[in-house]
């Protein structure tokens, strides 16, 4: 299993203002589902930051996303380790397969793979 990218999540009700602010640093909007917006660097597309009011299809809002090349293997590894699974592995309608796990600091990590 390999990590493809890591994206911090900022819980925010100010998406437009954040887009304008981070635009001054060179970020551009690459995804907007209304409840989550992701900005990326055009010169380094995996340099990203997401802003979300709340996660529309999960019980909690994650602190960070980790995209991997094999989410099923990551899920099996986390379950075998005894880590707390906060949101079960499932396919989402917008083209990702994901689960949430709690890290040792209490942060919620959204582990995903694009399908």
PDB file of N, CA and C in Angstrom:
ATOM      1  N   UNK A   1       0.841  -1.170   0.000  1.00  0.00           N
ATOM      2  CA  UNK A   1       0.000   0.000   0.000  1.00  0.00           C
ATOM      3  C   UNK A   1       0.891   1.240   0.000  1.00  0.00           C
ATOM      4  N   UNK A   2       0.547   2.208  -0.844  1.00  0.00           N
ATOM      5  CA  UNK A   2       1.315   3.447  -0.945  1.00  0.00           C
ATOM      6  C   UNK A   2       0.406   4.650  -0.734  1.00  0.00           C
ATOM      7  N   UNK A   3       0.939   5.690  -0.122  1.00  0.00           N
ATOM      8  CA  UNK A   3       0.211   6.946   0.064  1.00  0.00           C
ATOM      9  C   UNK A   3       0.356   7.776  -1.208  1.00  0.00           C
ATOM     10  N   UNK A   4      -0.758   8.264  -1.715  1.00  0.00           N
ATOM     11  CA  UNK A   4      -0.747   9.103  -2.912  1.00  0.00           C
ATOM     12  C   UNK A   4      -0.738  10.590  -2.575  1.00  0.00           C
ATOM     13  N   UNK A   5      -1.464  10.972  -1.519  1.00  0.00           N
ATOM     14  CA  UNK A   5      -1.491  12.371  -1.083  1.00  0.00           C
ATOM     15  C   UNK A   5      -2.113  12.467   0.299  1.00  0.00           C
ATOM     16  N   UNK A   6      -1.832  13.561   0.968  1.00  0.00           N
ATOM     17  CA  UNK A   6      -2.408  13.860   2.275  1.00  0.00           C
ATOM     18  C   UNK A   6      -3.021  15.251   2.166  1.00  0.00           C
ATOM     19  N   UNK A   7      -4.277  15.377   2.594  1.00  0.00           N
ATOM     20  CA  UNK A   7      -4.994  16.643   2.465  1.00  0.00           C
ATOM     21  C   UNK A   7      -5.550  17.049   3.831  1.00  0.00           C
ATOM     22  N   UNK A   8      -5.086  18.169   4.392  1.00  0.00           N
ATOM     23  CA  UNK A   8      -5.677  18.641   5.645  1.00  0.00           C
ATOM     24  C   UNK A   8      -7.080  19.193   5.397  1.00  0.00           C
ATOM     25  N   UNK A   9      -7.953  19.029   6.394  1.00  0.00           N
ATOM     26  CA  UNK A   9      -9.309  19.565   6.332  1.00  0.00           C
ATOM     27  C   UNK A   9      -9.443  20.689   7.341  1.00  0.00           C
ATOM     28  N   UNK A  10      -9.999  21.788   6.885  1.00  0.00           N
ATOM     29  CA  UNK A  10     -10.291  22.907   7.769  1.00  0.00           C
ATOM     30  C   UNK A  10     -11.802  22.974   7.894  1.00  0.00           C
ATOM     31  N   UNK A  11     -12.307  22.806   9.114  1.00  0.00           N
ATOM     32  CA  UNK A  11     -13.744  22.938   9.316  1.00  0.00           C
ATOM     33  C   UNK A  11     -14.070  24.416   9.200  1.00  0.00           C
ATOM     34  N   UNK A  12     -14.978  24.760   8.268  1.00  0.00           N
ATOM     35  CA  UNK A  12     -15.195  26.165   7.947  1.00  0.00           C
ATOM     36  C   UNK A  12     -16.590  26.397   7.397  1.00  0.00           C
ATOM     37  N   UNK A  13     -17.160  27.512   7.769  1.00  0.00           N
ATOM     38  CA  UNK A  13     -18.407  27.992   7.176  1.00  0.00           C
ATOM     39  C   UNK A  13     -18.105  29.131   6.200  1.00  0.00           C
ATOM     40  N   UNK A  14     -16.823  29.391   5.939  1.00  0.00           N
ATOM     41  CA  UNK A  14     -16.400  30.527   5.113  1.00  0.00           C
ATOM     42  C   UNK A  14     -15.654  30.049   3.870  1.00  0.00           C
ATOM     43  N   UNK A  15     -16.284  29.191   3.077  1.00  0.00           N
ATOM     44  CA  UNK A  15     -15.609  28.619   1.904  1.00  0.00           C
ATOM     45  C   UNK A  15     -15.212  29.696   0.897  1.00  0.00           C
ATOM     46  N   UNK A  16     -16.108  30.604   0.583  1.00  0.00           N
ATOM     47  CA  UNK A  16     -15.800  31.648  -0.406  1.00  0.00           C
ATOM     48  C   UNK A  16     -14.615  32.496   0.047  1.00  0.00           C
ATOM     49  N   UNK A  17     -14.634  32.897   1.310  1.00  0.00           N
ATOM     50  CA  UNK A  17     -13.545  33.711   1.834  1.00  0.00           C
ATOM     51  C   UNK A  17     -12.232  32.933   1.832  1.00  0.00           C
ATOM     52  N   UNK A  18     -12.305  31.649   2.137  1.00  0.00           N
ATOM     53  CA  UNK A  18     -11.098  30.805   2.116  1.00  0.00           C
ATOM     54  C   UNK A  18     -10.560  30.649   0.705  1.00  0.00           C
ATOM     55  N   UNK A  19     -11.457  30.452  -0.263  1.00  0.00           N
ATOM     56  CA  UNK A  19     -11.032  30.340  -1.668  1.00  0.00           C
ATOM     57  C   UNK A  19     -10.299  31.614  -2.091  1.00  0.00           C
ATOM     58  N   UNK A  20     -10.835  32.774  -1.728  1.00  0.00           N
ATOM     59  CA  UNK A  20     -10.196  34.043  -2.083  1.00  0.00           C
ATOM     60  C   UNK A  20      -8.846  34.200  -1.382  1.00  0.00           C
ATOM     61  N   UNK A  21      -8.788  33.900  -0.084  1.00  0.00           N
ATOM     62  CA  UNK A  21      -7.547  34.034   0.680  1.00  0.00           C
ATOM     63  C   UNK A  21      -6.460  33.116   0.134  1.00  0.00           C
ATOM     64  N   UNK A  22      -6.768  31.820  -0.015  1.00  0.00           N
ATOM     65  CA  UNK A  22      -5.756  30.871  -0.490  1.00  0.00           C
ATOM     66  C   UNK A  22      -5.461  31.072  -1.973  1.00  0.00           C
ATOM     67  N   UNK A  23      -6.390  31.695  -2.707  1.00  0.00           N
ATOM     68  CA  UNK A  23      -6.120  32.062  -4.095  1.00  0.00           C
ATOM     69  C   UNK A  23      -4.977  33.053  -4.197  1.00  0.00           C
ATOM     70  N   UNK A  24      -4.856  33.912  -3.183  1.00  0.00           N
ATOM     71  CA  UNK A  24      -3.743  34.859  -3.151  1.00  0.00           C
ATOM     72  C   UNK A  24      -2.400  34.140  -3.035  1.00  0.00           C
ATOM     73  N   UNK A  25      -2.421  32.904  -2.515  1.00  0.00           N
ATOM     74  CA  UNK A  25      -1.200  32.102  -2.394  1.00  0.00           C
ATOM     75  C   UNK A  25      -1.002  31.172  -3.590  1.00  0.00           C
ATOM     76  N   UNK A  26      -1.912  31.245  -4.571  1.00  0.00           N
ATOM     77  CA  UNK A  26      -1.753  30.458  -5.786  1.00  0.00           C
ATOM     78  C   UNK A  26      -2.620  29.219  -5.880  1.00  0.00           C
ATOM     79  N   UNK A  27      -3.471  28.953  -4.883  1.00  0.00           N
ATOM     80  CA  UNK A  27      -4.357  27.789  -4.938  1.00  0.00           C
ATOM     81  C   UNK A  27      -5.549  28.067  -5.838  1.00  0.00           C
ATOM     82  N   UNK A  28      -6.047  27.004  -6.488  1.00  0.00           N
ATOM     83  CA  UNK A  28      -7.241  27.091  -7.322  1.00  0.00           C
ATOM     84  C   UNK A  28      -8.220  26.005  -6.917  1.00  0.00           C
ATOM     85  N   UNK A  29      -9.508  26.285  -7.066  1.00  0.00           N
ATOM     86  CA  UNK A  29     -10.545  25.309  -6.730  1.00  0.00           C
ATOM     87  C   UNK A  29     -10.493  24.144  -7.719  1.00  0.00           C
ATOM     88  N   UNK A  30     -10.444  22.915  -7.184  1.00  0.00           N
ATOM     89  CA  UNK A  30     -10.441  21.718  -8.031  1.00  0.00           C
ATOM     90  C   UNK A  30     -11.651  20.831  -7.772  1.00  0.00           C
ATOM     91  N   UNK A  31     -12.363  21.079  -6.653  1.00  0.00           N
ATOM     92  CA  UNK A  31     -13.556  20.293  -6.340  1.00  0.00           C
ATOM     93  C   UNK A  31     -14.437  21.124  -5.427  1.00  0.00           C
ATOM     94  N   UNK A  32     -15.754  21.056  -5.675  1.00  0.00           N
ATOM     95  CA  UNK A  32     -16.698  21.734  -4.790  1.00  0.00           C
ATOM     96  C   UNK A  32     -18.020  20.977  -4.830  1.00  0.00           C
ATOM     97  N   UNK A  33     -18.338  20.307  -3.716  1.00  0.00           N
ATOM     98  CA  UNK A  33     -19.604  19.579  -3.591  1.00  0.00           C
ATOM     99  C   UNK A  33     -20.603  20.356  -2.736  1.00  0.00           C
ATOM    100  N   UNK A  34     -20.308  21.609  -2.454  1.00  0.00           N
ATOM    101  CA  UNK A  34     -21.170  22.397  -1.600  1.00  0.00           C
ATOM    102  C   UNK A  34     -20.787  22.279  -0.132  1.00  0.00           C
ATOM    103  N   UNK A  35     -20.680  21.064   0.355  1.00  0.00           N
ATOM    104  CA  UNK A  35     -20.306  20.831   1.761  1.00  0.00           C
ATOM    105  C   UNK A  35     -18.805  20.656   1.938  1.00  0.00           C
ATOM    106  N   UNK A  36     -18.088  20.397   0.845  1.00  0.00           N
ATOM    107  CA  UNK A  36     -16.625  20.315   0.870  1.00  0.00           C
ATOM    108  C   UNK A  36     -16.088  20.961  -0.400  1.00  0.00           C
ATOM    109  N   UNK A  37     -15.038  21.753  -0.223  1.00  0.00           N
ATOM    110  CA  UNK A  37     -14.355  22.392  -1.344  1.00  0.00           C
ATOM    111  C   UNK A  37     -12.859  22.116  -1.188  1.00  0.00           C
ATOM    112  N   UNK A  38     -12.220  21.715  -2.281  1.00  0.00           N
ATOM    113  CA  UNK A  38     -10.786  21.455  -2.254  1.00  0.00           C
ATOM    114  C   UNK A  38     -10.079  22.412  -3.198  1.00  0.00           C
ATOM    115  N   UNK A  39      -8.982  22.975  -2.698  1.00  0.00           N
ATOM    116  CA  UNK A  39      -8.119  23.847  -3.476  1.00  0.00           C
ATOM    117  C   UNK A  39      -6.795  23.133  -3.683  1.00  0.00           C
ATOM    118  N   UNK A  40      -6.165  23.372  -4.839  1.00  0.00           N
ATOM    119  CA  UNK A  40      -4.880  22.735  -5.140  1.00  0.00           C
ATOM    120  C   UNK A  40      -3.958  23.729  -5.829  1.00  0.00           C
ATOM    121  N   UNK A  41      -2.682  23.433  -5.756  1.00  0.00           N
ATOM    122  CA  UNK A  41      -1.673  24.213  -6.459  1.00  0.00           C
ATOM    123  C   UNK A  41      -1.619  23.742  -7.910  1.00  0.00           C
ATOM    124  N   UNK A  42      -1.767  24.632  -8.885  1.00  0.00           N
ATOM    125  CA  UNK A  42      -1.681  24.219 -10.283  1.00  0.00           C
ATOM    126  C   UNK A  42      -0.325  23.617 -10.647  1.00  0.00           C
ATOM    127  N   UNK A  43       0.736  24.076 -10.006  1.00  0.00           N
ATOM    128  CA  UNK A  43       2.071  23.578 -10.330  1.00  0.00           C
ATOM    129  C   UNK A  43       2.417  22.291  -9.597  1.00  0.00           C
ATOM    130  N   UNK A  44       1.701  21.990  -8.536  1.00  0.00           N
ATOM    131  CA  UNK A  44       1.922  20.770  -7.755  1.00  0.00           C
ATOM    132  C   UNK A  44       0.556  20.261  -7.295  1.00  0.00           C
ATOM    133  N   UNK A  45      -0.194  19.581  -8.176  1.00  0.00           N
ATOM    134  CA  UNK A  45      -1.590  19.243  -7.932  1.00  0.00           C
ATOM    135  C   UNK A  45      -1.879  18.427  -6.661  1.00  0.00           C
ATOM    136  N   UNK A  46      -0.898  17.741  -6.116  1.00  0.00           N
ATOM    137  CA  UNK A  46      -1.155  16.995  -4.888  1.00  0.00           C
ATOM    138  C   UNK A  46      -1.003  17.862  -3.635  1.00  0.00           C
ATOM    139  N   UNK A  47      -0.582  19.118  -3.802  1.00  0.00           N
ATOM    140  CA  UNK A  47      -0.545  20.074  -2.688  1.00  0.00           C
ATOM    141  C   UNK A  47      -1.949  20.668  -2.586  1.00  0.00           C
ATOM    142  N   UNK A  48      -2.709  20.180  -1.612  1.00  0.00           N
ATOM    143  CA  UNK A  48      -4.117  20.529  -1.520  1.00  0.00           C
ATOM    144  C   UNK A  48      -4.519  20.865  -0.088  1.00  0.00           C
ATOM    145  N   UNK A  49      -5.662  21.552   0.024  1.00  0.00           N
ATOM    146  CA  UNK A  49      -6.297  21.835   1.305  1.00  0.00           C
ATOM    147  C   UNK A  49      -7.801  21.817   1.059  1.00  0.00           C
ATOM    148  N   UNK A  50      -8.541  21.227   1.989  1.00  0.00           N
ATOM    149  CA  UNK A  50     -10.000  21.160   1.858  1.00  0.00           C
ATOM    150  C   UNK A  50     -10.664  21.942   2.976  1.00  0.00           C
ATOM    151  N   UNK A  51     -11.821  22.501   2.657  1.00  0.00           N
ATOM    152  CA  UNK A  51     -12.637  23.235   3.613  1.00  0.00           C
ATOM    153  C   UNK A  51     -14.009  22.583   3.625  1.00  0.00           C
ATOM    154  N   UNK A  52     -14.502  22.253   4.812  1.00  0.00           N
ATOM    155  CA  UNK A  52     -15.818  21.637   4.888  1.00  0.00           C
ATOM    156  C   UNK A  52     -16.569  22.130   6.104  1.00  0.00           C
ATOM    157  N   UNK A  53     -17.872  22.289   5.895  1.00  0.00           N
ATOM    158  CA  UNK A  53     -18.741  22.662   7.007  1.00  0.00           C
ATOM    159  C   UNK A  53     -18.974  21.425   7.871  1.00  0.00           C
ATOM    160  N   UNK A  54     -19.312  20.317   7.217  1.00  0.00           N
ATOM    161  CA  UNK A  54     -19.482  19.021   7.876  1.00  0.00           C
ATOM    162  C   UNK A  54     -19.478  17.966   6.789  1.00  0.00           C
ATOM    163  N   UNK A  55     -19.198  16.730   7.177  1.00  0.00           N
ATOM    164  CA  UNK A  55     -19.186  15.647   6.190  1.00  0.00           C
ATOM    165  C   UNK A  55     -20.628  15.197   5.978  1.00  0.00           C
ATOM    166  N   UNK A  56     -21.113  15.269   4.751  1.00  0.00           N
ATOM    167  CA  UNK A  56     -22.508  14.981   4.441  1.00  0.00           C
ATOM    168  C   UNK A  56     -22.894  13.514   4.587  1.00  0.00           C
ATOM    169  N   UNK A  57     -21.936  12.590   4.557  1.00  0.00           N
ATOM    170  CA  UNK A  57     -22.311  11.173   4.579  1.00  0.00           C
ATOM    171  C   UNK A  57     -21.606  10.385   5.679  1.00  0.00           C
ATOM    172  N   UNK A  58     -21.135  11.085   6.706  1.00  0.00           N
ATOM    173  CA  UNK A  58     -20.444  10.397   7.800  1.00  0.00           C
ATOM    174  C   UNK A  58     -20.835  11.054   9.124  1.00  0.00           C
ATOM    175  N   UNK A  59     -20.663  10.333  10.217  1.00  0.00           N
ATOM    176  CA  UNK A  59     -21.101  10.850  11.521  1.00  0.00           C
ATOM    177  C   UNK A  59     -20.212  11.945  12.108  1.00  0.00           C
ATOM    178  N   UNK A  60     -19.004  12.093  11.607  1.00  0.00           N
ATOM    179  CA  UNK A  60     -18.075  13.104  12.102  1.00  0.00           C
ATOM    180  C   UNK A  60     -17.356  13.755  10.924  1.00  0.00           C
ATOM    181  N   UNK A  61     -16.754  14.899  11.176  1.00  0.00           N
ATOM    182  CA  UNK A  61     -15.964  15.586  10.163  1.00  0.00           C
ATOM    183  C   UNK A  61     -14.507  15.203  10.363  1.00  0.00           C
ATOM    184  N   UNK A  62     -13.843  14.641   9.335  1.00  0.00           N
ATOM    185  CA  UNK A  62     -12.449  14.230   9.500  1.00  0.00           C
ATOM    186  C   UNK A  62     -11.508  15.430   9.581  1.00  0.00           C
ATOM    187  N   UNK A  63     -10.363  15.203  10.191  1.00  0.00           N
ATOM    188  CA  UNK A  63      -9.338  16.234  10.313  1.00  0.00           C
ATOM    189  C   UNK A  63      -8.384  16.243   9.126  1.00  0.00           C
ATOM    190  N   UNK A  64      -8.218  15.081   8.498  1.00  0.00           N
ATOM    191  CA  UNK A  64      -7.261  14.940   7.408  1.00  0.00           C
ATOM    192  C   UNK A  64      -7.703  13.767   6.532  1.00  0.00           C
ATOM    193  N   UNK A  65      -7.367  13.843   5.249  1.00  0.00           N
ATOM    194  CA  UNK A  65      -7.586  12.718   4.335  1.00  0.00           C
ATOM    195  C   UNK A  65      -6.241  12.169   3.900  1.00  0.00           C
ATOM    196  N   UNK A  66      -6.167  10.845   3.826  1.00  0.00           N
ATOM    197  CA  UNK A  66      -4.988  10.171   3.306  1.00  0.00           C
ATOM    198  C   UNK A  66      -5.467   9.296   2.150  1.00  0.00           C
ATOM    199  N   UNK A  67      -5.052   9.643   0.941  1.00  0.00           N
ATOM    200  CA  UNK A  67      -5.401   8.839  -0.222  1.00  0.00           C
ATOM    201  C   UNK A  67      -4.343   7.768  -0.399  1.00  0.00           C
ATOM    202  N   UNK A  68      -4.788   6.518  -0.502  1.00  0.00           N
ATOM    203  CA  UNK A  68      -3.889   5.378  -0.668  1.00  0.00           C
ATOM    204  C   UNK A  68      -4.217   4.655  -1.970  1.00  0.00           C
ATOM    205  N   UNK A  69      -3.326   3.785  -2.386  1.00  0.00           N
ATOM    206  CA  UNK A  69      -3.578   3.042  -3.626  1.00  0.00           C
ATOM    207  C   UNK A  69      -4.361   1.756  -3.388  1.00  0.00           C
ATOM    208  N   UNK A  70      -4.585   1.358  -2.130  1.00  0.00           N
ATOM    209  CA  UNK A  70      -5.354   0.155  -1.814  1.00  0.00           C
ATOM    210  C   UNK A  70      -6.068   0.347  -0.481  1.00  0.00           C
ATOM    211  N   UNK A  71      -7.256   0.947  -0.547  1.00  0.00           N
ATOM    212  CA  UNK A  71      -7.994   1.260   0.678  1.00  0.00           C
ATOM    213  C   UNK A  71      -8.450  -0.001   1.406  1.00  0.00           C
ATOM    214  N   UNK A  72      -8.708  -1.087   0.684  1.00  0.00           N
ATOM    215  CA  UNK A  72      -9.113  -2.330   1.339  1.00  0.00           C
ATOM    216  C   UNK A  72      -7.979  -2.889   2.196  1.00  0.00           C
ATOM    217  N   UNK A  73      -6.758  -2.802   1.693  1.00  0.00           N
ATOM    218  CA  UNK A  73      -5.598  -3.256   2.476  1.00  0.00           C
ATOM    219  C   UNK A  73      -5.398  -2.360   3.695  1.00  0.00           C
ATOM    220  N   UNK A  74      -5.570  -1.047   3.518  1.00  0.00           N
ATOM    221  CA  UNK A  74      -5.436  -0.120   4.646  1.00  0.00           C
ATOM    222  C   UNK A  74      -6.484  -0.417   5.710  1.00  0.00           C
ATOM    223  N   UNK A  75      -7.703  -0.685   5.291  1.00  0.00           N
ATOM    224  CA  UNK A  75      -8.788  -1.005   6.224  1.00  0.00           C
ATOM    225  C   UNK A  75      -8.462  -2.278   7.004  1.00  0.00           C
ATOM    226  N   UNK A  76      -8.009  -3.302   6.298  1.00  0.00           N
ATOM    227  CA  UNK A  76      -7.649  -4.569   6.960  1.00  0.00           C
ATOM    228  C   UNK A  76      -6.522  -4.350   7.969  1.00  0.00           C
ATOM    229  N   UNK A  77      -5.538  -3.563   7.590  1.00  0.00           N
ATOM    230  CA  UNK A  77      -4.411  -3.280   8.488  1.00  0.00           C
ATOM    231  C   UNK A  77      -4.887  -2.562   9.746  1.00  0.00           C
ATOM    232  N   UNK A  78      -5.741  -1.562   9.588  1.00  0.00           N
ATOM    233  CA  UNK A  78      -6.234  -0.805  10.736  1.00  0.00           C
ATOM    234  C   UNK A  78      -7.103  -1.674  11.644  1.00  0.00           C
ATOM    235  N   UNK A  79      -7.948  -2.488  11.066  1.00  0.00           N
ATOM    236  CA  UNK A  79      -8.792  -3.390  11.880  1.00  0.00           C
ATOM    237  C   UNK A  79      -7.926  -4.378  12.656  1.00  0.00           C
ATOM    238  N   UNK A  80      -6.928  -4.966  11.978  1.00  0.00           N
ATOM    239  CA  UNK A  80      -6.039  -5.927  12.639  1.00  0.00           C
ATOM    240  C   UNK A  80      -5.234  -5.286  13.766  1.00  0.00           C
ATOM    241  N   UNK A  81      -4.933  -3.992  13.635  1.00  0.00           N
ATOM    242  CA  UNK A  81      -4.151  -3.294  14.653  1.00  0.00           C
ATOM    243  C   UNK A  81      -4.979  -2.949  15.883  1.00  0.00           C
ATOM    244  N   UNK A  82      -6.302  -3.030  15.751  1.00  0.00           N
ATOM    245  CA  UNK A  82      -7.178  -2.666  16.847  1.00  0.00           C
ATOM    246  C   UNK A  82      -7.546  -1.197  16.881  1.00  0.00           C
ATOM    247  N   UNK A  83      -7.180  -0.447  15.843  1.00  0.00           N
ATOM    248  CA  UNK A  83      -7.507   0.983  15.781  1.00  0.00           C
ATOM    249  C   UNK A  83      -9.022   1.163  15.749  1.00  0.00           C
ATOM    250  N   UNK A  84      -9.487   2.282  16.282  1.00  0.00           N
ATOM    251  CA  UNK A  84     -10.920   2.567  16.307  1.00  0.00           C
ATOM    252  C   UNK A  84     -11.406   3.005  14.930  1.00  0.00           C
ATOM    253  N   UNK A  85     -12.273   2.212  14.337  1.00  0.00           N
ATOM    254  CA  UNK A  85     -12.895   2.558  13.066  1.00  0.00           C
ATOM    255  C   UNK A  85     -14.098   3.442  13.401  1.00  0.00           C
ATOM    256  N   UNK A  86     -14.076   4.668  12.935  1.00  0.00           N
ATOM    257  CA  UNK A  86     -15.109   5.649  13.257  1.00  0.00           C
ATOM    258  C   UNK A  86     -16.251   5.589  12.243  1.00  0.00           C
ATOM    259  N   UNK A  87     -15.931   5.246  11.012  1.00  0.00           N
ATOM    260  CA  UNK A  87     -16.902   5.174   9.911  1.00  0.00           C
ATOM    261  C   UNK A  87     -16.477   3.991   9.043  1.00  0.00           C
ATOM    262  N   UNK A  88     -17.364   3.035   8.802  1.00  0.00           N
ATOM    263  CA  UNK A  88     -16.962   1.806   8.099  1.00  0.00           C
ATOM    264  C   UNK A  88     -16.596   2.027   6.633  1.00  0.00           C
ATOM    265  N   UNK A  89     -15.865   1.079   6.103  1.00  0.00           N
ATOM    266  CA  UNK A  89     -15.462   1.093   4.698  1.00  0.00           C
ATOM    267  C   UNK A  89     -16.705   1.044   3.819  1.00  0.00           C
ATOM    268  N   UNK A  90     -16.780   1.980   2.879  1.00  0.00           N
ATOM    269  CA  UNK A  90     -17.919   1.995   1.953  1.00  0.00           C
ATOM    270  C   UNK A  90     -17.596   2.805   0.708  1.00  0.00           C
ATOM    271  N   UNK A  91     -18.367   2.533  -0.340  1.00  0.00           N
ATOM    272  CA  UNK A  91     -18.258   3.284  -1.587  1.00  0.00           C
ATOM    273  C   UNK A  91     -19.186   4.490  -1.510  1.00  0.00           C
ATOM    274  N   UNK A  92     -18.668   5.660  -1.864  1.00  0.00           N
ATOM    275  CA  UNK A  92     -19.460   6.882  -1.861  1.00  0.00           C
ATOM    276  C   UNK A  92     -19.888   7.214  -3.283  1.00  0.00           C
ATOM    277  N   UNK A  93     -20.985   7.902  -3.419  1.00  0.00           N
ATOM    278  CA  UNK A  93     -21.554   8.199  -4.739  1.00  0.00           C
ATOM    279  C   UNK A  93     -20.682   9.098  -5.594  1.00  0.00           C
ATOM    280  N   UNK A  94     -19.749   9.827  -4.997  1.00  0.00           N
ATOM    281  CA  UNK A  94     -18.900  10.741  -5.772  1.00  0.00           C
ATOM    282  C   UNK A  94     -17.583  10.094  -6.208  1.00  0.00           C
ATOM    283  N   UNK A  95     -17.496   8.759  -6.119  1.00  0.00           N
ATOM    284  CA  UNK A  95     -16.371   8.057  -6.732  1.00  0.00           C
ATOM    285  C   UNK A  95     -15.205   7.713  -5.840  1.00  0.00           C
ATOM    286  N   UNK A  96     -15.417   7.671  -4.532  1.00  0.00           N
ATOM    287  CA  UNK A  96     -14.347   7.226  -3.645  1.00  0.00           C
ATOM    288  C   UNK A  96     -14.836   6.054  -2.802  1.00  0.00           C
ATOM    289  N   UNK A  97     -13.894   5.248  -2.380  1.00  0.00           N
ATOM    290  CA  UNK A  97     -14.133   4.186  -1.407  1.00  0.00           C
ATOM    291  C   UNK A  97     -13.342   4.624  -0.182  1.00  0.00           C
ATOM    292  N   UNK A  98     -13.977   4.671   1.010  1.00  0.00           N
ATOM    293  CA  UNK A  98     -13.299   5.251   2.153  1.00  0.00           C
ATOM    294  C   UNK A  98     -13.784   4.690   3.478  1.00  0.00           C
ATOM    295  N   UNK A  99     -12.980   4.966   4.512  1.00  0.00           N
ATOM    296  CA  UNK A  99     -13.358   4.703   5.897  1.00  0.00           C
ATOM    297  C   UNK A  99     -12.670   5.751   6.760  1.00  0.00           C
ATOM    298  N   UNK A 100     -13.152   5.913   7.988  1.00  0.00           N
ATOM    299  CA  UNK A 100     -12.531   6.829   8.941  1.00  0.00           C
ATOM    300  C   UNK A 100     -11.956   6.016  10.082  1.00  0.00           C
ATOM    301  N   UNK A 101     -10.782   6.420  10.543  1.00  0.00           N
ATOM    302  CA  UNK A 101     -10.121   5.773  11.679  1.00  0.00           C
ATOM    303  C   UNK A 101      -9.590   6.866  12.602  1.00  0.00           C
ATOM    304  N   UNK A 102      -9.588   6.605  13.908  1.00  0.00           N
ATOM    305  CA  UNK A 102      -9.086   7.583  14.875  1.00  0.00           C
ATOM    306  C   UNK A 102      -7.606   7.325  15.128  1.00  0.00           C
ATOM    307  N   UNK A 103      -6.792   8.390  15.062  1.00  0.00           N
ATOM    308  CA  UNK A 103      -5.358   8.242  15.315  1.00  0.00           C
ATOM    309  C   UNK A 103      -5.084   8.329  16.821  1.00  0.00           C
ATOM    310  N   UNK A 104      -3.853   8.070  17.262  1.00  0.00           N
ATOM    311  CA  UNK A 104      -3.544   8.072  18.698  1.00  0.00           C
ATOM    312  C   UNK A 104      -3.775   9.423  19.386  1.00  0.00           C
ATOM    313  N   UNK A 105      -3.874  10.508  18.611  1.00  0.00           N
ATOM    314  CA  UNK A 105      -4.115  11.838  19.173  1.00  0.00           C
ATOM    315  C   UNK A 105      -5.591  12.202  19.225  1.00  0.00           C
ATOM    316  N   UNK A 106      -6.435  11.264  18.794  1.00  0.00           N
ATOM    317  CA  UNK A 106      -7.871  11.519  18.786  1.00  0.00           C
ATOM    318  C   UNK A 106      -8.377  12.136  17.500  1.00  0.00           C
ATOM    319  N   UNK A 107      -7.503  12.368  16.541  1.00  0.00           N
ATOM    320  CA  UNK A 107      -7.895  12.960  15.255  1.00  0.00           C
ATOM    321  C   UNK A 107      -8.538  11.899  14.365  1.00  0.00           C
ATOM    322  N   UNK A 108      -9.491  12.329  13.564  1.00  0.00           N
ATOM    323  CA  UNK A 108     -10.180  11.413  12.651  1.00  0.00           C
ATOM    324  C   UNK A 108      -9.542  11.519  11.272  1.00  0.00           C
ATOM    325  N   UNK A 109      -9.110  10.373  10.763  1.00  0.00           N
ATOM    326  CA  UNK A 109      -8.435  10.295   9.462  1.00  0.00           C
ATOM    327  C   UNK A 109      -9.374   9.624   8.464  1.00  0.00           C
ATOM    328  N   UNK A 110      -9.633  10.300   7.364  1.00  0.00           N
ATOM    329  CA  UNK A 110     -10.418   9.791   6.250  1.00  0.00           C
ATOM    330  C   UNK A 110      -9.433   9.092   5.313  1.00  0.00           C
ATOM    331  N   UNK A 111      -9.495   7.776   5.251  1.00  0.00           N
ATOM    332  CA  UNK A 111      -8.596   7.007   4.376  1.00  0.00           C
ATOM    333  C   UNK A 111      -9.407   6.624   3.155  1.00  0.00           C
ATOM    334  N   UNK A 112      -8.899   6.981   1.970  1.00  0.00           N
ATOM    335  CA  UNK A 112      -9.705   6.809   0.765  1.00  0.00           C
ATOM    336  C   UNK A 112      -8.882   6.377  -0.436  1.00  0.00           C
ATOM    337  N   UNK A 113      -9.622   5.881  -1.401  1.00  0.00           N
ATOM    338  CA  UNK A 113      -9.076   5.549  -2.725  1.00  0.00           C
ATOM    339  C   UNK A 113     -10.105   5.992  -3.747  1.00  0.00           C
ATOM    340  N   UNK A 114      -9.656   6.667  -4.807  1.00  0.00           N
ATOM    341  CA  UNK A 114     -10.567   7.054  -5.885  1.00  0.00           C
ATOM    342  C   UNK A 114     -10.851   5.836  -6.739  1.00  0.00           C
ATOM    343  N   UNK A 115     -12.087   5.710  -7.155  1.00  0.00           N
ATOM    344  CA  UNK A 115     -12.510   4.586  -8.003  1.00  0.00           C
ATOM    345  C   UNK A 115     -12.778   5.042  -9.412  1.00  0.00           C
TER     346      UNK A 115
END
